[in-house]
Protein backbone atom coordinates (compact mmCIF):
# COMPACT_ATOMS: atom_id res chain seq x y z
CA MET A 1 -42.05 37.83 -11.47
CA GLY A 2 -41.22 41.51 -12.02
CA SER A 3 -37.86 42.78 -13.22
CA LEU A 4 -36.92 44.17 -9.81
CA ALA A 5 -37.80 40.90 -8.12
CA ARG A 6 -35.68 39.00 -10.67
CA ILE A 7 -32.72 41.29 -10.07
CA VAL A 8 -33.03 40.91 -6.29
CA ALA A 9 -33.32 37.13 -6.61
CA ALA A 10 -30.35 36.99 -8.98
CA LEU A 11 -28.19 39.12 -6.72
CA THR A 12 -29.16 37.04 -3.69
CA VAL A 13 -28.25 33.79 -5.42
CA ALA A 14 -25.07 35.25 -6.91
CA SER A 15 -23.88 36.65 -3.58
CA THR A 16 -24.52 33.28 -1.96
CA LEU A 17 -22.52 31.48 -4.65
CA VAL A 18 -19.67 33.98 -4.60
CA GLY A 19 -19.44 33.97 -0.80
CA ALA A 20 -19.65 30.19 -0.45
CA GLY A 21 -16.46 28.49 0.67
CA SER A 22 -13.16 30.01 1.50
CA ARG A 23 -10.64 31.09 -1.09
CA ALA A 24 -6.92 30.63 -0.77
CA GLU A 25 -6.20 33.30 -3.39
CA PRO A 26 -7.95 36.57 -4.22
CA LEU A 27 -10.18 36.66 -7.30
CA LEU A 28 -10.22 39.35 -9.93
CA THR A 29 -13.53 38.19 -11.43
CA GLY A 30 -16.32 36.11 -9.97
CA GLY A 31 -19.80 34.89 -10.71
CA ILE A 32 -21.74 32.54 -12.94
CA GLY A 33 -19.49 33.26 -15.93
CA LEU A 34 -16.70 31.33 -14.25
CA GLN A 35 -18.72 28.12 -13.86
CA SER A 36 -17.69 25.28 -16.12
CA CYS A 37 -19.66 25.03 -19.33
CA ALA A 38 -20.25 21.38 -18.48
CA LYS A 39 -22.17 22.56 -15.41
CA LEU A 40 -23.89 25.70 -16.75
CA GLY A 41 -24.55 24.77 -20.39
CA PRO A 42 -27.26 22.13 -19.78
CA GLU A 43 -29.08 24.54 -17.44
CA LEU A 44 -29.42 27.28 -20.06
CA LYS A 45 -32.67 27.28 -22.03
CA PRO A 46 -32.49 30.14 -24.58
CA GLU A 47 -36.06 29.50 -25.77
CA LEU A 48 -37.38 30.40 -22.27
CA GLY A 49 -35.83 33.86 -22.27
CA LEU A 50 -35.48 35.67 -18.96
CA ASP A 51 -38.32 33.65 -17.41
CA HIS A 52 -35.79 30.88 -16.66
CA PRO A 53 -33.55 31.58 -13.61
CA PRO A 54 -30.22 30.32 -15.06
CA ASN A 55 -30.83 32.49 -18.15
CA TYR A 56 -31.46 35.67 -16.20
CA LEU A 57 -28.61 35.00 -13.77
CA LEU A 58 -26.27 34.68 -16.74
CA TYR A 59 -27.66 37.73 -18.54
CA TYR A 60 -27.46 40.01 -15.50
CA TRP A 61 -23.92 38.81 -14.82
CA VAL A 62 -22.99 39.57 -18.45
CA GLN A 63 -24.42 43.09 -18.11
CA GLY A 64 -22.18 43.73 -15.10
CA TYR A 65 -19.15 42.16 -16.74
CA ILE A 66 -19.54 44.21 -19.93
CA SER A 67 -20.15 47.35 -17.86
CA ALA A 68 -16.83 46.78 -16.12
CA ALA A 69 -15.13 46.06 -19.46
CA ASN A 70 -16.58 49.30 -20.82
CA ILE A 71 -14.80 51.34 -18.14
CA PHE A 72 -11.52 49.80 -19.29
CA LEU A 73 -12.34 50.23 -22.99
CA LEU A 74 -13.39 53.83 -22.50
CA ASN A 75 -10.26 54.73 -20.57
CA GLU A 76 -7.81 52.78 -22.75
CA TYR A 77 -9.29 53.10 -26.25
CA THR A 78 -12.02 55.77 -25.92
CA ASP A 79 -14.69 53.39 -27.16
CA TYR A 80 -17.16 50.98 -25.59
CA VAL A 81 -19.79 48.31 -26.23
CA ASP A 82 -23.31 49.78 -26.51
CA MET A 83 -25.23 48.15 -23.65
CA ALA A 84 -28.54 49.17 -25.26
CA LYS A 85 -27.86 46.67 -28.05
CA LEU A 86 -27.42 43.67 -25.73
CA GLU A 87 -30.27 41.28 -26.43
CA PRO A 88 -30.93 38.74 -23.63
CA SER A 89 -31.89 35.96 -26.06
CA ALA A 90 -28.77 36.49 -28.18
CA ILE A 91 -26.46 36.47 -25.15
CA VAL A 92 -28.01 33.33 -23.64
CA LYS A 93 -27.91 31.56 -27.02
CA LEU A 94 -24.29 32.65 -27.58
CA VAL A 95 -23.22 31.16 -24.25
CA ALA A 96 -25.39 28.03 -24.63
CA ASP A 97 -23.88 27.33 -28.06
CA PHE A 98 -20.36 28.03 -26.80
CA CYS A 99 -20.87 25.71 -23.84
CA SER A 100 -22.29 22.97 -26.04
CA ASP A 101 -19.13 23.11 -28.17
CA ASN A 102 -16.70 23.73 -25.28
CA PRO A 103 -17.84 21.92 -22.11
CA ASP A 104 -14.31 22.11 -20.69
CA LYS A 105 -14.16 25.93 -20.83
CA PRO A 106 -15.82 28.67 -18.75
CA PRO A 107 -18.62 30.80 -20.31
CA ILE A 108 -16.59 33.96 -19.69
CA ARG A 109 -14.51 33.02 -22.74
CA ALA A 110 -17.57 33.43 -24.97
CA ILE A 111 -18.29 36.84 -23.47
CA ASP A 112 -14.66 37.96 -23.81
CA GLN A 113 -14.83 37.06 -27.52
CA PHE A 114 -18.18 38.86 -27.81
CA ILE A 115 -16.58 42.01 -26.33
CA ARG A 116 -13.63 41.78 -28.73
CA ASP A 117 -15.91 41.32 -31.77
CA ALA A 118 -18.73 43.70 -30.85
CA PRO A 119 -18.98 47.00 -32.71
CA LYS A 120 -17.74 49.81 -30.49
CA VAL A 121 -19.14 53.27 -29.95
CA GLU A 122 -16.47 55.95 -30.32
CA ALA A 123 -16.19 58.42 -27.46
CA ARG A 124 -14.22 61.58 -26.84
CA GLU A 125 -11.12 61.40 -24.68
CA SER A 126 -12.88 63.78 -22.29
CA ASP A 127 -15.51 61.04 -21.71
CA ALA A 128 -12.89 58.81 -20.07
CA PHE A 129 -12.93 58.83 -16.29
CA ASP A 130 -11.60 57.11 -13.23
CA PRO A 131 -14.65 56.04 -11.20
CA TRP A 132 -12.52 55.50 -8.09
CA GLU A 133 -10.61 58.76 -8.24
CA HIS A 134 -10.72 60.58 -4.89
């Protein structure tokens, strides 16, 4: 399956999961990273890389989540996580290990810690922007 087909499949599944059911309260964040580790952890197979649907769903969600975090980091601290250094196998293994040790927690906690600990690229204050500015 090609990369574009994987992305389309992942987005289709993710939009179905996010849109399923009604919500009483608005959500700030959504997606596979909010599943329980007890549910997601056993489905992750780091050794299969991005050929395994749960792995690529998680990895593509992480890319979007870190991209959003980077907008905040850039505007608040003028630094960001280098997306070019994200390795799919390392991210899937990080979450799989976290979930194995913490089945009662959501995978997003592992990614939040990854963002806090990751080396940051320094930017100029002029690089900061408001993507929703009219």
